[in-house]
Amino acid sequence: MTFETLDTYIRTLPSITFDYPFDEEVRVYRIGNKIFALAADKTPLSVNLKCDPIYTLELRSLYEGITPGFHMNKKHWNTIDLSEKTDVDEETIRELIDHSYEQVFGSLTKKLQRELG
């Protein structure tokens, strides 16, 4: 998966925004001002995604390309290798992006959820 493919898919999700709060390379994707994904267009390509704590452990045991979140809370975040050598297929990556989005959307207030649709 390329950065462009990743970015295009993430930007199809409803009501997301992105910015560069840390530096000029790391793009941070948000829903309702809460982060659900971080990625940079650099080699090796990877993305940090929020995940259910029990599911994080399961994913890490199934895939070499999924590791504890780099510079993130290791209990709630995974880093997914997007390079050509990864054992994580694109369909699974899209599912994990959706899961991250849903995890964060679900943590928003009901009022904000209704406002965002």
N, C-alpha and C. Protein backbone atom coordinates (compact mmCIF):
# COMPACT_ATOMS: atom_id res chain seq x y z
N MET A 1 0.86 -1.18 0.00
CA MET A 1 0.00 0.00 0.00
C MET A 1 0.90 1.24 0.00
N THR A 2 0.54 2.21 -0.80
CA THR A 2 1.28 3.47 -0.84
C THR A 2 0.65 4.49 0.10
N PHE A 3 1.38 5.55 0.37
CA PHE A 3 0.83 6.62 1.20
C PHE A 3 -0.40 7.21 0.53
N GLU A 4 -0.35 7.37 -0.78
CA GLU A 4 -1.48 7.95 -1.50
C GLU A 4 -2.73 7.08 -1.37
N THR A 5 -2.55 5.76 -1.48
CA THR A 5 -3.68 4.84 -1.33
C THR A 5 -4.23 4.91 0.09
N LEU A 6 -3.34 4.91 1.07
CA LEU A 6 -3.75 5.02 2.47
C LEU A 6 -4.52 6.32 2.71
N ASP A 7 -3.94 7.42 2.27
CA ASP A 7 -4.55 8.73 2.47
C ASP A 7 -5.91 8.82 1.78
N THR A 8 -6.00 8.33 0.56
CA THR A 8 -7.26 8.37 -0.18
C THR A 8 -8.34 7.58 0.55
N TYR A 9 -7.98 6.39 1.05
CA TYR A 9 -8.97 5.59 1.77
C TYR A 9 -9.42 6.29 3.06
N ILE A 10 -8.48 6.77 3.85
CA ILE A 10 -8.84 7.42 5.12
C ILE A 10 -9.73 8.63 4.87
N ARG A 11 -9.44 9.38 3.83
CA ARG A 11 -10.20 10.60 3.57
C ARG A 11 -11.61 10.32 3.04
N THR A 12 -11.93 9.05 2.75
CA THR A 12 -13.31 8.72 2.37
C THR A 12 -14.21 8.56 3.59
N LEU A 13 -13.61 8.43 4.76
CA LEU A 13 -14.40 8.26 5.99
C LEU A 13 -15.10 9.57 6.35
N PRO A 14 -16.30 9.47 6.90
CA PRO A 14 -17.09 10.68 7.19
C PRO A 14 -16.46 11.58 8.26
N SER A 15 -16.53 12.87 8.01
CA SER A 15 -16.21 13.92 9.00
C SER A 15 -14.78 13.89 9.53
N ILE A 16 -13.83 13.39 8.74
CA ILE A 16 -12.45 13.39 9.24
C ILE A 16 -11.77 14.70 8.86
N THR A 17 -10.78 15.04 9.65
CA THR A 17 -9.89 16.15 9.35
C THR A 17 -8.47 15.64 9.51
N PHE A 18 -7.51 16.38 9.00
CA PHE A 18 -6.12 16.02 9.24
C PHE A 18 -5.29 17.27 9.40
N ASP A 19 -4.17 17.12 10.13
CA ASP A 19 -3.24 18.22 10.33
C ASP A 19 -1.85 17.65 10.60
N TYR A 20 -0.91 18.54 10.89
CA TYR A 20 0.48 18.16 11.14
C TYR A 20 0.92 18.78 12.47
N PRO A 21 0.42 18.30 13.60
CA PRO A 21 0.74 18.95 14.87
C PRO A 21 2.15 18.67 15.39
N PHE A 22 2.79 17.60 14.94
CA PHE A 22 4.09 17.21 15.49
C PHE A 22 5.26 17.70 14.66
N ASP A 23 5.14 17.59 13.36
CA ASP A 23 6.19 18.05 12.44
C ASP A 23 5.58 18.13 11.04
N GLU A 24 6.40 18.39 10.04
CA GLU A 24 5.89 18.55 8.69
C GLU A 24 5.70 17.23 7.95
N GLU A 25 6.04 16.10 8.59
CA GLU A 25 5.94 14.80 7.93
C GLU A 25 4.77 13.95 8.39
N VAL A 26 4.48 13.97 9.68
CA VAL A 26 3.47 13.06 10.23
C VAL A 26 2.08 13.68 10.11
N ARG A 27 1.27 13.06 9.26
CA ARG A 27 -0.12 13.50 9.07
C ARG A 27 -0.98 12.81 10.12
N VAL A 28 -1.74 13.60 10.84
CA VAL A 28 -2.60 13.11 11.91
C VAL A 28 -4.05 13.23 11.45
N TYR A 29 -4.77 12.11 11.46
CA TYR A 29 -6.17 12.07 11.04
C TYR A 29 -7.03 12.04 12.30
N ARG A 30 -8.10 12.86 12.27
CA ARG A 30 -8.95 12.99 13.45
C ARG A 30 -10.42 12.86 13.08
N ILE A 31 -11.18 12.46 14.08
CA ILE A 31 -12.63 12.53 14.01
C ILE A 31 -13.05 13.25 15.29
N GLY A 32 -13.74 14.37 15.14
CA GLY A 32 -14.14 15.15 16.31
C GLY A 32 -12.97 15.59 17.16
N ASN A 33 -11.88 15.95 16.55
CA ASN A 33 -10.64 16.40 17.21
C ASN A 33 -9.92 15.31 17.99
N LYS A 34 -10.31 14.05 17.84
CA LYS A 34 -9.60 12.93 18.46
C LYS A 34 -8.87 12.16 17.38
N ILE A 35 -7.64 11.81 17.67
CA ILE A 35 -6.78 11.11 16.71
C ILE A 35 -7.22 9.66 16.56
N PHE A 36 -7.30 9.19 15.30
CA PHE A 36 -7.54 7.77 15.06
C PHE A 36 -6.49 7.15 14.14
N ALA A 37 -5.65 7.98 13.49
CA ALA A 37 -4.59 7.44 12.63
C ALA A 37 -3.47 8.46 12.48
N LEU A 38 -2.24 7.95 12.36
CA LEU A 38 -1.08 8.79 12.09
C LEU A 38 -0.22 8.10 11.05
N ALA A 39 0.26 8.85 10.07
CA ALA A 39 1.12 8.27 9.04
C ALA A 39 2.00 9.36 8.44
N ALA A 40 3.13 8.94 7.91
CA ALA A 40 4.04 9.85 7.22
C ALA A 40 4.41 9.24 5.88
N ASP A 41 4.57 10.10 4.88
CA ASP A 41 4.95 9.65 3.55
C ASP A 41 6.46 9.49 3.50
N LYS A 42 6.93 8.43 4.15
CA LYS A 42 8.37 8.15 4.18
C LYS A 42 8.59 6.65 4.28
N THR A 43 9.78 6.24 4.00
CA THR A 43 10.14 4.82 4.02
C THR A 43 10.82 4.51 5.34
N PRO A 44 10.50 3.41 5.99
CA PRO A 44 9.46 2.45 5.64
C PRO A 44 8.07 2.98 5.99
N LEU A 45 7.12 2.77 5.12
CA LEU A 45 5.77 3.28 5.31
C LEU A 45 5.04 2.46 6.36
N SER A 46 4.40 3.18 7.28
CA SER A 46 3.59 2.53 8.32
C SER A 46 2.49 3.49 8.73
N VAL A 47 1.53 2.95 9.49
CA VAL A 47 0.45 3.77 10.02
C VAL A 47 0.18 3.33 11.45
N ASN A 48 -0.06 4.28 12.33
CA ASN A 48 -0.48 3.98 13.70
C ASN A 48 -2.00 4.07 13.74
N LEU A 49 -2.63 3.03 14.31
CA LEU A 49 -4.09 2.98 14.39
C LEU A 49 -4.52 2.58 15.79
N LYS A 50 -5.58 3.21 16.26
CA LYS A 50 -6.15 2.86 17.56
C LYS A 50 -6.86 1.52 17.43
N CYS A 51 -6.87 0.76 18.54
CA CYS A 51 -7.43 -0.58 18.48
C CYS A 51 -7.92 -1.00 19.86
N ASP A 52 -8.94 -1.84 19.88
CA ASP A 52 -9.41 -2.43 21.11
C ASP A 52 -8.23 -3.16 21.77
N PRO A 53 -8.02 -2.98 23.08
CA PRO A 53 -6.85 -3.57 23.75
C PRO A 53 -6.69 -5.08 23.59
N ILE A 54 -7.77 -5.83 23.62
CA ILE A 54 -7.66 -7.28 23.46
C ILE A 54 -7.35 -7.63 22.01
N TYR A 55 -7.97 -6.91 21.09
CA TYR A 55 -7.73 -7.13 19.66
C TYR A 55 -6.28 -6.78 19.30
N THR A 56 -5.69 -5.79 19.96
CA THR A 56 -4.29 -5.44 19.67
C THR A 56 -3.39 -6.65 19.87
N LEU A 57 -3.60 -7.36 20.96
CA LEU A 57 -2.77 -8.53 21.26
C LEU A 57 -2.98 -9.64 20.24
N GLU A 58 -4.22 -9.87 19.87
CA GLU A 58 -4.52 -10.89 18.87
C GLU A 58 -3.84 -10.57 17.54
N LEU A 59 -3.96 -9.31 17.10
CA LEU A 59 -3.36 -8.92 15.83
C LEU A 59 -1.85 -9.07 15.84
N ARG A 60 -1.23 -8.68 16.94
CA ARG A 60 0.24 -8.79 17.05
C ARG A 60 0.70 -10.23 17.02
N SER A 61 -0.15 -11.15 17.50
CA SER A 61 0.23 -12.57 17.48
C SER A 61 0.02 -13.18 16.09
N LEU A 62 -0.86 -12.58 15.28
CA LEU A 62 -1.16 -13.12 13.95
C LEU A 62 -0.25 -12.57 12.85
N TYR A 63 0.21 -11.33 13.00
CA TYR A 63 0.95 -10.66 11.94
C TYR A 63 2.29 -10.11 12.45
N GLU A 64 3.34 -10.42 11.72
CA GLU A 64 4.64 -9.82 12.04
C GLU A 64 4.63 -8.33 11.75
N GLY A 65 3.80 -7.91 10.79
CA GLY A 65 3.74 -6.51 10.38
C GLY A 65 2.91 -5.62 11.29
N ILE A 66 2.41 -6.16 12.39
CA ILE A 66 1.66 -5.36 13.36
C ILE A 66 2.39 -5.42 14.69
N THR A 67 2.82 -4.26 15.14
CA THR A 67 3.61 -4.15 16.37
C THR A 67 2.99 -3.10 17.29
N PRO A 68 3.43 -3.05 18.55
CA PRO A 68 2.90 -2.02 19.45
C PRO A 68 3.11 -0.62 18.86
N GLY A 69 2.16 0.26 19.10
CA GLY A 69 2.17 1.59 18.52
C GLY A 69 3.44 2.38 18.82
N PHE A 70 4.13 2.79 17.77
CA PHE A 70 5.36 3.58 17.90
C PHE A 70 5.04 4.95 18.47
N HIS A 71 5.65 5.29 19.59
CA HIS A 71 5.43 6.56 20.30
C HIS A 71 3.98 6.75 20.75
N MET A 72 3.27 5.64 20.96
CA MET A 72 1.87 5.71 21.36
C MET A 72 1.66 4.78 22.56
N ASN A 73 0.48 4.85 23.15
CA ASN A 73 0.11 3.94 24.23
C ASN A 73 0.04 2.53 23.65
N LYS A 74 0.93 1.67 24.09
CA LYS A 74 1.06 0.32 23.51
C LYS A 74 -0.18 -0.55 23.75
N LYS A 75 -0.98 -0.20 24.74
CA LYS A 75 -2.19 -0.98 25.03
C LYS A 75 -3.28 -0.71 23.99
N HIS A 76 -3.34 0.51 23.48
CA HIS A 76 -4.45 0.92 22.61
C HIS A 76 -4.06 1.20 21.16
N TRP A 77 -2.78 1.15 20.83
CA TRP A 77 -2.35 1.52 19.49
C TRP A 77 -1.43 0.47 18.89
N ASN A 78 -1.60 0.24 17.60
CA ASN A 78 -0.72 -0.63 16.82
C ASN A 78 -0.07 0.17 15.70
N THR A 79 1.13 -0.23 15.35
CA THR A 79 1.78 0.27 14.15
C THR A 79 1.72 -0.83 13.11
N ILE A 80 1.20 -0.49 11.94
CA ILE A 80 1.04 -1.47 10.87
C ILE A 80 2.04 -1.15 9.77
N ASP A 81 2.86 -2.13 9.46
CA ASP A 81 3.85 -2.01 8.38
C ASP A 81 3.10 -2.04 7.05
N LEU A 82 3.31 -1.03 6.22
CA LEU A 82 2.65 -0.96 4.92
C LEU A 82 3.61 -1.21 3.76
N SER A 83 4.84 -1.58 4.08
CA SER A 83 5.83 -1.80 3.03
C SER A 83 5.48 -3.04 2.20
N GLU A 84 6.20 -3.23 1.14
CA GLU A 84 5.96 -4.37 0.25
C GLU A 84 6.22 -5.70 0.94
N LYS A 85 7.05 -5.71 1.97
CA LYS A 85 7.40 -6.95 2.65
C LYS A 85 6.40 -7.34 3.75
N THR A 86 5.39 -6.53 3.98
CA THR A 86 4.45 -6.80 5.07
C THR A 86 3.60 -8.04 4.82
N ASP A 87 3.21 -8.68 5.90
CA ASP A 87 2.30 -9.82 5.80
C ASP A 87 0.85 -9.41 6.05
N VAL A 88 0.60 -8.11 6.12
CA VAL A 88 -0.74 -7.59 6.34
C VAL A 88 -1.30 -7.14 4.98
N ASP A 89 -2.36 -7.80 4.53
CA ASP A 89 -2.91 -7.48 3.22
C ASP A 89 -3.74 -6.19 3.26
N GLU A 90 -3.99 -5.61 2.09
CA GLU A 90 -4.68 -4.31 2.01
C GLU A 90 -6.10 -4.37 2.56
N GLU A 91 -6.80 -5.46 2.38
CA GLU A 91 -8.15 -5.57 2.92
C GLU A 91 -8.12 -5.49 4.45
N THR A 92 -7.16 -6.18 5.06
CA THR A 92 -7.03 -6.14 6.52
C THR A 92 -6.66 -4.74 6.98
N ILE A 93 -5.78 -4.07 6.25
CA ILE A 93 -5.40 -2.70 6.59
C ILE A 93 -6.62 -1.79 6.57
N ARG A 94 -7.45 -1.89 5.54
CA ARG A 94 -8.67 -1.09 5.48
C ARG A 94 -9.61 -1.41 6.65
N GLU A 95 -9.73 -2.69 6.99
CA GLU A 95 -10.56 -3.09 8.13
C GLU A 95 -10.03 -2.48 9.44
N LEU A 96 -8.71 -2.45 9.59
CA LEU A 96 -8.12 -1.88 10.80
C LEU A 96 -8.28 -0.37 10.85
N ILE A 97 -8.25 0.28 9.70
CA ILE A 97 -8.52 1.72 9.65
C ILE A 97 -9.96 1.97 10.09
N ASP A 98 -10.89 1.19 9.56
CA ASP A 98 -12.29 1.32 9.94
C ASP A 98 -12.48 1.06 11.43
N HIS A 99 -11.81 0.05 11.94
CA HIS A 99 -11.91 -0.28 13.37
C HIS A 99 -11.41 0.88 14.22
N SER A 100 -10.30 1.48 13.83
CA SER A 100 -9.75 2.61 14.56
C SER A 100 -10.73 3.78 14.55
N TYR A 101 -11.26 4.07 13.38
CA TYR A 101 -12.24 5.15 13.24
C TYR A 101 -13.44 4.89 14.16
N GLU A 102 -13.95 3.66 14.14
CA GLU A 102 -15.12 3.32 14.96
C GLU A 102 -14.81 3.39 16.45
N GLN A 103 -13.60 2.99 16.84
CA GLN A 103 -13.20 3.06 18.24
C GLN A 103 -13.23 4.51 18.74
N VAL A 104 -12.69 5.40 17.93
CA VAL A 104 -12.63 6.80 18.34
C VAL A 104 -14.00 7.46 18.22
N PHE A 105 -14.71 7.20 17.14
CA PHE A 105 -16.05 7.77 16.99
C PHE A 105 -16.93 7.36 18.17
N GLY A 106 -16.84 6.10 18.59
CA GLY A 106 -17.62 5.60 19.71
C GLY A 106 -17.27 6.25 21.04
N SER A 107 -16.09 6.83 21.13
CA SER A 107 -15.67 7.48 22.39
C SER A 107 -16.11 8.94 22.45
N LEU A 108 -16.65 9.46 21.35
CA LEU A 108 -17.12 10.84 21.33
C LEU A 108 -18.44 10.95 22.08
N THR A 109 -18.76 12.14 22.52
CA THR A 109 -20.05 12.34 23.19
C THR A 109 -21.17 12.05 22.19
N LYS A 110 -22.31 11.66 22.71
CA LYS A 110 -23.46 11.37 21.83
C LYS A 110 -23.86 12.60 21.02
N LYS A 111 -23.75 13.76 21.64
CA LYS A 111 -24.07 15.01 20.94
C LYS A 111 -23.15 15.21 19.76
N LEU A 112 -21.85 15.03 19.98
CA LEU A 112 -20.88 15.21 18.90
C LEU A 112 -21.07 14.14 17.82
N GLN A 113 -21.38 12.93 18.23
CA GLN A 113 -21.64 11.87 17.25
C GLN A 113 -22.80 12.26 16.34
N ARG A 114 -23.87 12.81 16.93
CA ARG A 114 -25.03 13.23 16.13
C ARG A 114 -24.64 14.37 15.18
N GLU A 115 -23.84 15.31 15.68
CA GLU A 115 -23.42 16.46 14.85
C GLU A 115 -22.58 16.01 13.67
N LEU A 116 -21.73 15.00 13.90
CA LEU A 116 -20.84 14.52 12.83
C LEU A 116 -21.55 13.55 11.89
N GLY A 117 -22.68 13.03 12.34
CA GLY A 117 -23.44 12.10 11.49
C GLY A 117 -22.97 10.71 11.66
